[in-house]
Amino acid sequence: SHAGLNFIFTVIHLAIHSVLAVVIILISDWCRTNHFGLVYWLNAGVAGSIVIAFLTLDFFFFCLVHIVEHKIPLLWRFHVIHHADNKVDVTTGLRHHPGESILRGLFFFAGILVAGAPMYAVMIFQTVLVFATAFTHANISLPKKIDHLLSYILVSPNMHKIHHHWKQPYTDSNYGAVLAIWDRLL
């Protein structure tokens, strides 16, 4: 029953993101046509475009929007669906209210515009994000030393577990999805 409920949220989430994908393509194409965004202004090349897009999208899509969802009561009402899962596991990673999916899409659009992210960079980020979301929400425990070292670069399961604590202020920390740098900087 736990996974079934999360699966329903996941299907809705994926349907919304299928529609948003069309807008993502249009924004990315517009940036390419108009040479708009950091990758074009810095003449970044392929590798530079991937790095710039990855950093920008990770910041906008998860760290920035995630902080906003925790700080603004109206948006918390949407995001609490994700935190209401008492059995955090891989299925929790895609348990989002439809309104939250749209809000995250809007932040993602902004990240694409700022970065000027080409579609190949967007696809690389989204692929890594799927695996990172499953990894950070997985009900696993890495050896403490490995988890600790990993958490300096990537969001580890133990690092993210604190974010899903039932009590504040613990839940208002560790907002990152892929890179741990944003939590360390902010």
Protein backbone atom coordinates (compact mmCIF):
# COMPACT_ATOMS: atom_id res chain seq x y z
CA SER A 1 0.00 0.00 0.00
CA HIS A 2 2.93 2.35 0.74
CA ALA A 3 4.53 1.92 -2.69
CA GLY A 4 1.09 1.95 -4.36
CA LEU A 5 0.23 5.40 -3.02
CA ASN A 6 3.64 6.72 -4.02
CA PHE A 7 3.21 5.14 -7.45
CA ILE A 8 -0.01 7.15 -7.98
CA PHE A 9 1.86 10.38 -7.13
CA THR A 10 4.68 9.27 -9.43
CA VAL A 11 2.35 8.71 -12.40
CA ILE A 12 0.80 12.16 -11.93
CA HIS A 13 4.28 13.67 -11.52
CA LEU A 14 5.51 12.00 -14.73
CA ALA A 15 2.42 13.10 -16.70
CA ILE A 16 2.98 16.72 -15.66
CA HIS A 17 6.68 16.52 -16.46
CA SER A 18 5.93 15.06 -19.89
CA VAL A 19 4.03 18.26 -20.68
CA LEU A 20 6.75 20.42 -19.11
CA ALA A 21 9.34 18.62 -21.24
CA VAL A 22 7.95 20.34 -24.34
CA VAL A 23 8.52 23.73 -22.70
CA ILE A 24 12.03 22.66 -21.65
CA ILE A 25 12.86 21.87 -25.27
CA LEU A 26 11.43 25.19 -26.45
CA ILE A 27 13.40 27.18 -23.84
CA SER A 28 16.62 25.34 -24.60
CA ASP A 29 16.14 25.87 -28.35
CA TRP A 30 15.35 29.56 -27.79
CA CYS A 31 18.56 29.97 -25.76
CA ARG A 32 20.56 28.30 -28.56
CA THR A 33 18.96 30.40 -31.30
CA ASN A 34 19.45 33.65 -29.38
CA HIS A 35 22.79 32.76 -27.76
CA PHE A 36 21.24 33.49 -24.38
CA GLY A 37 22.61 32.25 -21.07
CA LEU A 38 25.90 31.65 -19.34
CA VAL A 39 27.10 28.90 -21.67
CA TYR A 40 26.87 31.27 -24.64
CA TRP A 41 28.12 34.38 -22.88
CA LEU A 42 31.17 32.47 -21.63
CA ASN A 43 31.64 30.57 -24.90
CA ALA A 44 31.79 27.47 -22.73
CA GLY A 45 32.09 24.67 -25.29
CA VAL A 46 30.57 21.23 -24.74
CA ALA A 47 32.31 20.28 -21.46
CA GLY A 48 31.88 23.78 -20.02
CA SER A 49 28.21 23.79 -21.03
CA ILE A 50 27.63 20.52 -19.21
CA VAL A 51 29.32 21.81 -16.04
CA ILE A 52 27.59 25.21 -16.09
CA ALA A 53 24.18 23.69 -16.84
CA PHE A 54 24.62 20.99 -14.19
CA LEU A 55 25.58 23.46 -11.47
CA THR A 56 22.85 25.93 -12.41
CA LEU A 57 20.08 23.35 -12.74
CA ASP A 58 21.03 21.62 -9.50
CA PHE A 59 20.97 24.98 -7.72
CA PHE A 60 17.67 26.20 -9.20
CA PHE A 61 15.75 22.96 -9.44
CA PHE A 62 16.45 21.50 -6.08
CA CYS A 63 18.29 23.71 -3.71
CA LEU A 64 16.59 27.04 -4.42
CA VAL A 65 13.05 25.77 -4.99
CA HIS A 66 13.39 23.37 -2.09
CA ILE A 67 14.33 26.15 0.33
CA VAL A 68 11.43 28.27 -0.93
CA GLU A 69 9.02 25.36 -0.39
CA HIS A 70 10.16 25.04 3.21
CA LYS A 71 10.08 28.77 3.99
CA ILE A 72 6.76 29.86 2.42
CA PRO A 73 3.78 28.32 4.25
CA LEU A 74 1.56 28.08 1.15
CA LEU A 75 4.26 26.20 -0.77
CA TRP A 76 5.03 24.00 2.25
CA ARG A 77 1.43 22.75 2.03
CA PHE A 78 2.31 21.25 -1.37
CA HIS A 79 5.74 19.98 -0.37
CA VAL A 80 4.53 18.36 2.85
CA ILE A 81 3.10 15.51 0.71
CA HIS A 82 6.71 14.46 0.12
CA HIS A 83 7.60 14.75 3.81
CA ALA A 84 4.43 12.98 4.96
CA ASP A 85 5.88 9.66 3.84
CA ASN A 86 6.78 7.88 7.08
CA LYS A 87 8.64 5.09 5.30
CA VAL A 88 11.22 6.98 3.27
CA ASP A 89 12.50 4.81 0.44
CA VAL A 90 13.17 5.00 -3.30
CA THR A 91 9.47 5.59 -4.01
CA THR A 92 9.48 8.71 -1.79
CA GLY A 93 11.72 10.50 -4.28
CA LEU A 94 8.90 10.98 -6.77
CA ARG A 95 6.10 11.54 -4.27
CA HIS A 96 5.11 15.14 -5.04
CA HIS A 97 1.90 17.11 -5.10
CA PRO A 98 0.97 18.11 -8.69
CA GLY A 99 1.28 21.79 -7.71
CA GLU A 100 4.80 21.17 -6.49
CA SER A 101 5.70 19.46 -9.76
CA ILE A 102 4.59 22.58 -11.65
CA LEU A 103 6.47 24.90 -9.26
CA ARG A 104 9.65 22.86 -9.64
CA GLY A 105 9.17 22.99 -13.39
CA LEU A 106 9.04 26.79 -13.28
CA PHE A 107 12.32 26.92 -11.33
CA PHE A 108 13.82 24.46 -13.80
CA PHE A 109 12.79 26.74 -16.68
CA ALA A 110 14.54 29.64 -14.94
CA GLY A 111 17.66 27.52 -14.49
CA ILE A 112 17.70 26.64 -18.19
CA LEU A 113 17.39 30.32 -19.10
CA VAL A 114 20.16 31.44 -16.75
CA ALA A 115 22.48 28.65 -17.89
CA GLY A 116 21.41 28.74 -21.55
CA ALA A 117 21.45 24.97 -21.11
CA PRO A 118 21.61 23.00 -24.34
CA MET A 119 19.37 19.93 -24.46
CA TYR A 120 22.25 17.48 -24.14
CA ALA A 121 23.24 19.16 -20.85
CA VAL A 122 19.63 19.12 -19.62
CA MET A 123 19.38 15.41 -20.44
CA ILE A 124 22.63 14.62 -18.62
CA PHE A 125 21.45 16.51 -15.54
CA GLN A 126 18.03 14.86 -15.54
CA THR A 127 19.56 11.40 -15.93
CA VAL A 128 21.92 11.97 -12.99
CA LEU A 129 19.02 13.47 -11.01
CA VAL A 130 16.89 10.34 -11.40
CA PHE A 131 19.67 8.16 -10.00
CA ALA A 132 20.57 10.68 -7.29
CA THR A 133 16.95 10.95 -6.15
CA ALA A 134 16.67 7.17 -5.87
CA PHE A 135 20.03 6.98 -4.08
CA THR A 136 19.36 9.76 -1.55
CA HIS A 137 15.93 8.40 -0.64
CA ALA A 138 16.98 4.74 -0.60
CA ASN A 139 16.54 3.01 2.70
CA ILE A 140 20.21 2.07 2.91
CA SER A 141 23.10 2.85 5.18
CA LEU A 142 26.56 3.23 3.77
CA PRO A 143 29.57 2.68 6.02
CA LYS A 144 29.91 5.87 8.09
CA LYS A 145 33.33 6.85 6.70
CA ILE A 146 32.23 6.43 3.09
CA ASP A 147 28.96 8.29 3.70
CA HIS A 148 30.83 11.11 5.46
CA LEU A 149 33.41 11.50 2.69
CA LEU A 150 30.78 11.23 -0.04
CA SER A 151 28.66 13.92 1.63
CA TYR A 152 31.33 16.55 0.93
CA ILE A 153 30.59 16.21 -2.78
CA LEU A 154 27.25 14.47 -3.24
CA VAL A 155 24.12 14.28 -1.15
CA SER A 156 24.39 10.93 0.60
CA PRO A 157 21.50 8.86 1.97
CA ASN A 158 22.48 9.60 5.57
CA MET A 159 22.86 13.31 4.84
CA HIS A 160 19.40 13.45 3.25
CA LYS A 161 17.85 11.30 5.97
CA ILE A 162 18.22 14.25 8.35
CA HIS A 163 16.08 16.33 5.97
CA HIS A 164 13.27 13.80 6.39
CA HIS A 165 13.42 13.89 10.18
CA TRP A 166 9.98 14.27 11.77
CA LYS A 167 11.02 17.25 13.85
CA GLN A 168 12.09 20.78 12.98
CA PRO A 169 14.66 22.28 12.69
CA TYR A 170 16.19 19.09 11.26
CA THR A 171 13.82 19.00 8.30
CA ASP A 172 14.87 22.56 7.40
CA SER A 173 18.38 21.54 6.41
CA ASN A 174 20.12 19.46 3.74
CA TYR A 175 18.02 20.65 0.80
CA GLY A 176 20.31 19.47 -2.00
CA ALA A 177 19.51 16.76 -4.51
CA VAL A 178 22.74 15.87 -6.28
CA LEU A 179 25.54 18.14 -5.10
CA ALA A 180 26.18 18.80 -1.43
CA ILE A 181 27.93 22.10 -2.18
CA TRP A 182 24.71 24.14 -1.95
CA ASP A 183 23.95 22.96 1.57
CA ARG A 184 27.51 23.70 2.60
CA LEU A 185 27.49 27.18 1.02
CA LEU A 186 24.04 28.21 2.23
